[in-house]
């Protein structure tokens, strides 16, 4: 679905099954048929182009408020305003919230690297909390563009660039965050030079096997997990 509709689609729980819904035209419906061997189509009411906004609701993680620009933070929260654009990450996914919870448990000082930054939620929140300098990397140019735009909108300094974290050089930092997949976490971790590492993007039943890092804390939510690791001492 991401390949067919990179701008986004809906995921609807139908009580034991999941329905994937894309707003498209006749050409898109034909692509669905070719990809899945079948699809159901129906006309939608006027204004469907803006309906996706209904699914981007703000979330509160401790002192942090993470939400879209058409919502407003309240109660003196530390606002992280995110317009996802074409990049993954609005702050509402459990893995993002879990990463932020683990970051809130650390002393907010020193440098931070966000690997697989998506729309920049974690990197921008880290900068708001006091981490500096903050670097953000992603293999997708759309993610880098979204992170730069969102960082500017939030008035924080985040150095975002497009690299392949499994191949290119990574900076030495105090804290690294990798909210990607389990396989990618295990591939990137040996290349990181960080004292602490926050990982997520995998299910609660999975645990990263990291040679150079020892797990010290775990958070779980809605079947997902995030872990805090510290570099092993020789």
Foldseek 3Di string as FASTA:
>chain_A
DCVLCLQDWDWDDPPPDIDIGDDDDPVSLVVVCVVPVDDDDDDDDPPPVPPVQVVFAWDDQPLEIFGAPVDDDDDNGLYQHADQGSWDDRCPDPQSSFLVNVVVVDQLEWEEEEEQCTLNRVQLVSQSNRYPDYEYEHQDPSRQVNNVVSNVVSVGDYHYDYDDLLPDQDDAIAEYEYADDLVVCLSNQVRYRYQKYKYWPYFPVDDRDHDQWDWDDKDDDPRTIMTMTGGDDD
